[in-house]
C-alpha cells in the first residue's frame, strides 16, 4: 500500500518515486476516505448545482450600491427595481439567518454560502455527516418559517 501510494503520487507530481517519502498509512486511508465521501456526495447530490448562489460578503453587505451602468432610462429603472427587490430579499434572508440557533446558522453559512460540503463540515465540527444533514433540514425548516413570517410582515408594512 505504501509503495503503491508513493508511485501514484510520483506520477501526479511527474517525478521519480524515489524522490518522494513514504506517507503514514493513516494519512493514506484518510485521503481514500475523503475521495469516497466526495464521490458519494457528488453521486447523491448530482441534481444540485455546486457553489453558492450568493456570497456571504454580499449577504452581509446588503446596503452596497451594485447597480451597473445601463444605457437607456427604462433599463435603469428596471435595474433599480430589480436591485431594490434583491436587496429586500437579502435583508429578509439575513434577518432570518440571524434568528437561527448558532449551530444551525454556522452549518447553513458553511454549506450554502461558503460552498463547503456536508462531509467537510462534519469533519471540521467533529460530528457525523448525518448529524450535519439533520441540522441542515431543521435549519431550512426554521428559515422557511422565518421567511414566511418576515414576508408577511413586509407585506403588511408595504400596504
C-alpha atoms as a PDB file:
ATOM      1  CA  UNK A   1       0.000   0.000   0.000  1.00  0.00           C
ATOM      2  CA  UNK A   2       2.804   2.408   0.897  1.00  0.00           C
ATOM      3  CA  UNK A   3       4.771   1.744  -2.281  1.00  0.00           C
ATOM      4  CA  UNK A   4       1.657   1.994  -4.478  1.00  0.00           C
ATOM      5  CA  UNK A   5       0.774   5.347  -2.871  1.00  0.00           C
ATOM      6  CA  UNK A   6       4.283   6.622  -3.494  1.00  0.00           C
ATOM      7  CA  UNK A   7       4.174   5.539  -7.147  1.00  0.00           C
ATOM      8  CA  UNK A   8       0.775   7.204  -7.722  1.00  0.00           C
ATOM      9  CA  UNK A   9       1.919  10.438  -6.083  1.00  0.00           C
ATOM     10  CA  UNK A  10       5.088  10.371  -8.214  1.00  0.00           C
ATOM     11  CA  UNK A  11       3.007  10.019 -11.381  1.00  0.00           C
ATOM     12  CA  UNK A  12       0.864  13.003 -10.305  1.00  0.00           C
ATOM     13  CA  UNK A  13       3.952  15.056  -9.417  1.00  0.00           C
ATOM     14  CA  UNK A  14       5.784  13.881 -12.581  1.00  0.00           C
ATOM     15  CA  UNK A  15       8.862  12.810 -10.685  1.00  0.00           C
ATOM     16  CA  UNK A  16      10.612   9.625  -9.636  1.00  0.00           C
ATOM     17  CA  UNK A  17       9.079   7.603  -6.756  1.00  0.00           C
ATOM     18  CA  UNK A  18      12.473   7.630  -5.033  1.00  0.00           C
ATOM     19  CA  UNK A  19      12.208  11.435  -4.703  1.00  0.00           C
ATOM     20  CA  UNK A  20       9.104  11.110  -2.521  1.00  0.00           C
ATOM     21  CA  UNK A  21       8.950   9.900   1.063  1.00  0.00           C
ATOM     22  CA  UNK A  22       6.530   7.253   2.244  1.00  0.00           C
ATOM     23  CA  UNK A  23       3.385   8.573   3.896  1.00  0.00           C
ATOM     24  CA  UNK A  24       1.890   7.300   7.137  1.00  0.00           C
ATOM     25  CA  UNK A  25      -0.819   4.662   6.480  1.00  0.00           C
ATOM     26  CA  UNK A  26      -3.409   6.716   8.390  1.00  0.00           C
ATOM     27  CA  UNK A  27      -2.820   9.664   6.025  1.00  0.00           C
ATOM     28  CA  UNK A  28      -3.350   7.409   3.018  1.00  0.00           C
ATOM     29  CA  UNK A  29      -6.548   5.970   4.498  1.00  0.00           C
ATOM     30  CA  UNK A  30      -7.825   9.477   5.304  1.00  0.00           C
ATOM     31  CA  UNK A  31      -7.270  10.535   1.682  1.00  0.00           C
ATOM     32  CA  UNK A  32      -9.108   7.441   0.436  1.00  0.00           C
ATOM     33  CA  UNK A  33     -11.996   8.161   2.809  1.00  0.00           C
ATOM     34  CA  UNK A  34     -12.153  11.796   1.639  1.00  0.00           C
ATOM     35  CA  UNK A  35     -12.299  10.700  -2.002  1.00  0.00           C
ATOM     36  CA  UNK A  36     -15.051   8.166  -1.273  1.00  0.00           C
ATOM     37  CA  UNK A  37     -17.074  10.775   0.647  1.00  0.00           C
ATOM     38  CA  UNK A  38     -16.785  13.313  -2.168  1.00  0.00           C
ATOM     39  CA  UNK A  39     -17.772  10.718  -4.780  1.00  0.00           C
ATOM     40  CA  UNK A  40     -20.759   9.548  -2.734  1.00  0.00           C
ATOM     41  CA  UNK A  41     -21.839  13.116  -2.082  1.00  0.00           C
ATOM     42  CA  UNK A  42     -21.474  14.071  -5.751  1.00  0.00           C
ATOM     43  CA  UNK A  43     -23.439  10.983  -6.833  1.00  0.00           C
ATOM     44  CA  UNK A  44     -26.339  11.592  -4.450  1.00  0.00           C
ATOM     45  CA  UNK A  45     -26.374  15.361  -4.955  1.00  0.00           C
ATOM     46  CA  UNK A  46     -25.774  15.486  -8.712  1.00  0.00           C
ATOM     47  CA  UNK A  47     -29.126  17.217  -9.217  1.00  0.00           C
ATOM     48  CA  UNK A  48     -27.910  20.284  -7.316  1.00  0.00           C
ATOM     49  CA  UNK A  49     -25.700  22.977  -8.734  1.00  0.00           C
ATOM     50  CA  UNK A  50     -22.381  23.271  -6.981  1.00  0.00           C
ATOM     51  CA  UNK A  51     -21.199  26.507  -5.460  1.00  0.00           C
ATOM     52  CA  UNK A  52     -23.008  29.213  -3.615  1.00  0.00           C
ATOM     53  CA  UNK A  53     -25.504  31.407  -5.458  1.00  0.00           C
ATOM     54  CA  UNK A  54     -24.590  34.386  -3.333  1.00  0.00           C
ATOM     55  CA  UNK A  55     -21.501  35.108  -1.312  1.00  0.00           C
ATOM     56  CA  UNK A  56     -21.576  35.601   2.423  1.00  0.00           C
ATOM     57  CA  UNK A  57     -19.960  39.023   1.968  1.00  0.00           C
ATOM     58  CA  UNK A  58     -22.754  40.029  -0.405  1.00  0.00           C
ATOM     59  CA  UNK A  59     -25.344  38.846   2.089  1.00  0.00           C
ATOM     60  CA  UNK A  60     -23.763  40.885   4.885  1.00  0.00           C
ATOM     61  CA  UNK A  61     -23.221  43.997   2.767  1.00  0.00           C
ATOM     62  CA  UNK A  62     -26.843  44.398   1.683  1.00  0.00           C
ATOM     63  CA  UNK A  63     -26.617  48.182   1.686  1.00  0.00           C
ATOM     64  CA  UNK A  64     -23.965  48.430  -1.070  1.00  0.00           C
ATOM     65  CA  UNK A  65     -24.924  50.036  -4.384  1.00  0.00           C
ATOM     66  CA  UNK A  66     -24.418  47.331  -7.011  1.00  0.00           C
ATOM     67  CA  UNK A  67     -26.215  48.908  -9.976  1.00  0.00           C
ATOM     68  CA  UNK A  68     -24.226  48.699 -13.191  1.00  0.00           C
ATOM     69  CA  UNK A  69     -24.280  51.307 -15.909  1.00  0.00           C
ATOM     70  CA  UNK A  70     -27.311  50.942 -18.182  1.00  0.00           C
ATOM     71  CA  UNK A  71     -27.745  52.769 -21.468  1.00  0.00           C
ATOM     72  CA  UNK A  72     -31.388  53.846 -21.606  1.00  0.00           C
ATOM     73  CA  UNK A  73     -33.654  55.229 -18.836  1.00  0.00           C
ATOM     74  CA  UNK A  74     -36.048  52.262 -18.980  1.00  0.00           C
ATOM     75  CA  UNK A  75     -33.183  49.830 -18.350  1.00  0.00           C
ATOM     76  CA  UNK A  76     -32.008  51.969 -15.430  1.00  0.00           C
ATOM     77  CA  UNK A  77     -35.481  51.924 -13.851  1.00  0.00           C
ATOM     78  CA  UNK A  78     -35.906  48.161 -14.349  1.00  0.00           C
ATOM     79  CA  UNK A  79     -32.422  47.525 -12.981  1.00  0.00           C
ATOM     80  CA  UNK A  80     -33.065  49.687  -9.908  1.00  0.00           C
ATOM     81  CA  UNK A  81     -36.417  47.997  -9.252  1.00  0.00           C
ATOM     82  CA  UNK A  82     -34.907  44.516  -9.509  1.00  0.00           C
ATOM     83  CA  UNK A  83     -31.924  45.609  -7.380  1.00  0.00           C
ATOM     84  CA  UNK A  84     -34.291  47.013  -4.739  1.00  0.00           C
ATOM     85  CA  UNK A  85     -36.215  43.723  -4.722  1.00  0.00           C
ATOM     86  CA  UNK A  86     -32.953  41.775  -4.447  1.00  0.00           C
ATOM     87  CA  UNK A  87     -31.851  43.945  -1.502  1.00  0.00           C
ATOM     88  CA  UNK A  88     -35.224  43.415   0.204  1.00  0.00           C
ATOM     89  CA  UNK A  89     -34.915  39.654  -0.235  1.00  0.00           C
ATOM     90  CA  UNK A  90     -31.322  39.672   1.024  1.00  0.00           C
ATOM     91  CA  UNK A  91     -32.362  41.662   4.085  1.00  0.00           C
ATOM     92  CA  UNK A  92     -35.155  39.180   4.811  1.00  0.00           C
ATOM     93  CA  UNK A  93     -32.741  36.242   4.430  1.00  0.00           C
ATOM     94  CA  UNK A  94     -30.144  37.985   6.602  1.00  0.00           C
ATOM     95  CA  UNK A  95     -32.774  38.648   9.300  1.00  0.00           C
ATOM     96  CA  UNK A  96     -33.971  35.037   9.125  1.00  0.00           C
ATOM     97  CA  UNK A  97     -30.376  33.754   9.379  1.00  0.00           C
ATOM     98  CA  UNK A  98     -29.718  35.928  12.408  1.00  0.00           C
ATOM     99  CA  UNK A  99     -32.715  34.336  14.174  1.00  0.00           C
ATOM    100  CA  UNK A 100     -31.402  30.782  13.735  1.00  0.00           C
ATOM    101  CA  UNK A 101     -29.606  28.996  16.580  1.00  0.00           C
ATOM    102  CA  UNK A 102     -25.819  29.413  16.314  1.00  0.00           C
ATOM    103  CA  UNK A 103     -25.088  25.805  15.262  1.00  0.00           C
ATOM    104  CA  UNK A 104     -27.738  25.855  12.532  1.00  0.00           C
ATOM    105  CA  UNK A 105     -26.568  29.263  11.296  1.00  0.00           C
ATOM    106  CA  UNK A 106     -22.937  28.065  11.118  1.00  0.00           C
ATOM    107  CA  UNK A 107     -23.946  24.977   9.133  1.00  0.00           C
ATOM    108  CA  UNK A 108     -26.116  26.973   6.682  1.00  0.00           C
ATOM    109  CA  UNK A 109     -23.416  29.600   6.175  1.00  0.00           C
ATOM    110  CA  UNK A 110     -20.736  26.949   5.686  1.00  0.00           C
ATOM    111  CA  UNK A 111     -22.661  24.819   3.215  1.00  0.00           C
ATOM    112  CA  UNK A 112     -24.751  27.270   1.213  1.00  0.00           C
ATOM    113  CA  UNK A 113     -22.744  30.490   1.400  1.00  0.00           C
ATOM    114  CA  UNK A 114     -19.154  29.294   1.682  1.00  0.00           C
ATOM    115  CA  UNK A 115     -19.642  26.210  -0.525  1.00  0.00           C
ATOM    116  CA  UNK A 116     -18.365  23.559   1.905  1.00  0.00           C
ATOM    117  CA  UNK A 117     -19.619  20.006   1.603  1.00  0.00           C
ATOM    118  CA  UNK A 118     -21.562  18.333   4.385  1.00  0.00           C
ATOM    119  CA  UNK A 119     -18.696  15.878   4.850  1.00  0.00           C
ATOM    120  CA  UNK A 120     -16.181  18.722   5.249  1.00  0.00           C
ATOM    121  CA  UNK A 121     -18.456  20.477   7.743  1.00  0.00           C
ATOM    122  CA  UNK A 122     -18.875  17.233   9.692  1.00  0.00           C
ATOM    123  CA  UNK A 123     -15.112  16.705   9.874  1.00  0.00           C
ATOM    124  CA  UNK A 124     -14.404  20.292  10.922  1.00  0.00           C
ATOM    125  CA  UNK A 125     -17.039  20.226  13.679  1.00  0.00           C
ATOM    126  CA  UNK A 126     -16.331  16.627  14.719  1.00  0.00           C
ATOM    127  CA  UNK A 127     -19.765  15.103  14.116  1.00  0.00           C
ATOM    128  CA  UNK A 128     -21.188  12.678  11.569  1.00  0.00           C
ATOM    129  CA  UNK A 129     -22.431  13.723   8.152  1.00  0.00           C
ATOM    130  CA  UNK A 130     -25.905  12.526   9.176  1.00  0.00           C
ATOM    131  CA  UNK A 131     -25.864  14.984  12.085  1.00  0.00           C
ATOM    132  CA  UNK A 132     -24.994  17.808   9.672  1.00  0.00           C
ATOM    133  CA  UNK A 133     -27.792  16.677   7.358  1.00  0.00           C
ATOM    134  CA  UNK A 134     -30.264  16.830  10.254  1.00  0.00           C
ATOM    135  CA  UNK A 135     -29.000  20.302  11.188  1.00  0.00           C
ATOM    136  CA  UNK A 136     -29.488  21.458   7.582  1.00  0.00           C
ATOM    137  CA  UNK A 137     -33.011  20.024   7.433  1.00  0.00           C
ATOM    138  CA  UNK A 138     -34.113  21.642  10.681  1.00  0.00           C
ATOM    139  CA  UNK A 139     -32.394  24.935   9.775  1.00  0.00           C
ATOM    140  CA  UNK A 140     -34.124  25.007   6.387  1.00  0.00           C
ATOM    141  CA  UNK A 141     -37.480  24.421   8.092  1.00  0.00           C
ATOM    142  CA  UNK A 142     -36.759  27.238  10.536  1.00  0.00           C
ATOM    143  CA  UNK A 143     -35.650  29.509   7.686  1.00  0.00           C
ATOM    144  CA  UNK A 144     -38.843  28.798   5.730  1.00  0.00           C
ATOM    145  CA  UNK A 145     -40.974  29.685   8.751  1.00  0.00           C
ATOM    146  CA  UNK A 146     -38.947  32.828   9.500  1.00  0.00           C
ATOM    147  CA  UNK A 147     -39.028  33.973   5.862  1.00  0.00           C
ATOM    148  CA  UNK A 148     -42.786  33.387   5.634  1.00  0.00           C
ATOM    149  CA  UNK A 149     -43.247  35.421   8.819  1.00  0.00           C
ATOM    150  CA  UNK A 150     -40.926  38.193   7.589  1.00  0.00           C
ATOM    151  CA  UNK A 151     -42.561  38.230   4.161  1.00  0.00           C
ATOM    152  CA  UNK A 152     -45.995  38.691   5.731  1.00  0.00           C
ATOM    153  CA  UNK A 153     -44.566  41.463   7.959  1.00  0.00           C
ATOM    154  CA  UNK A 154     -43.063  43.182   4.897  1.00  0.00           C
ATOM    155  CA  UNK A 155     -46.372  42.887   3.026  1.00  0.00           C
ATOM    156  CA  UNK A 156     -48.233  44.491   5.948  1.00  0.00           C
ATOM    157  CA  UNK A 157     -45.697  47.368   6.120  1.00  0.00           C
ATOM    158  CA  UNK A 158     -45.866  47.897   2.356  1.00  0.00           C
ATOM    159  CA  UNK A 159     -49.669  48.270   2.211  1.00  0.00           C
END
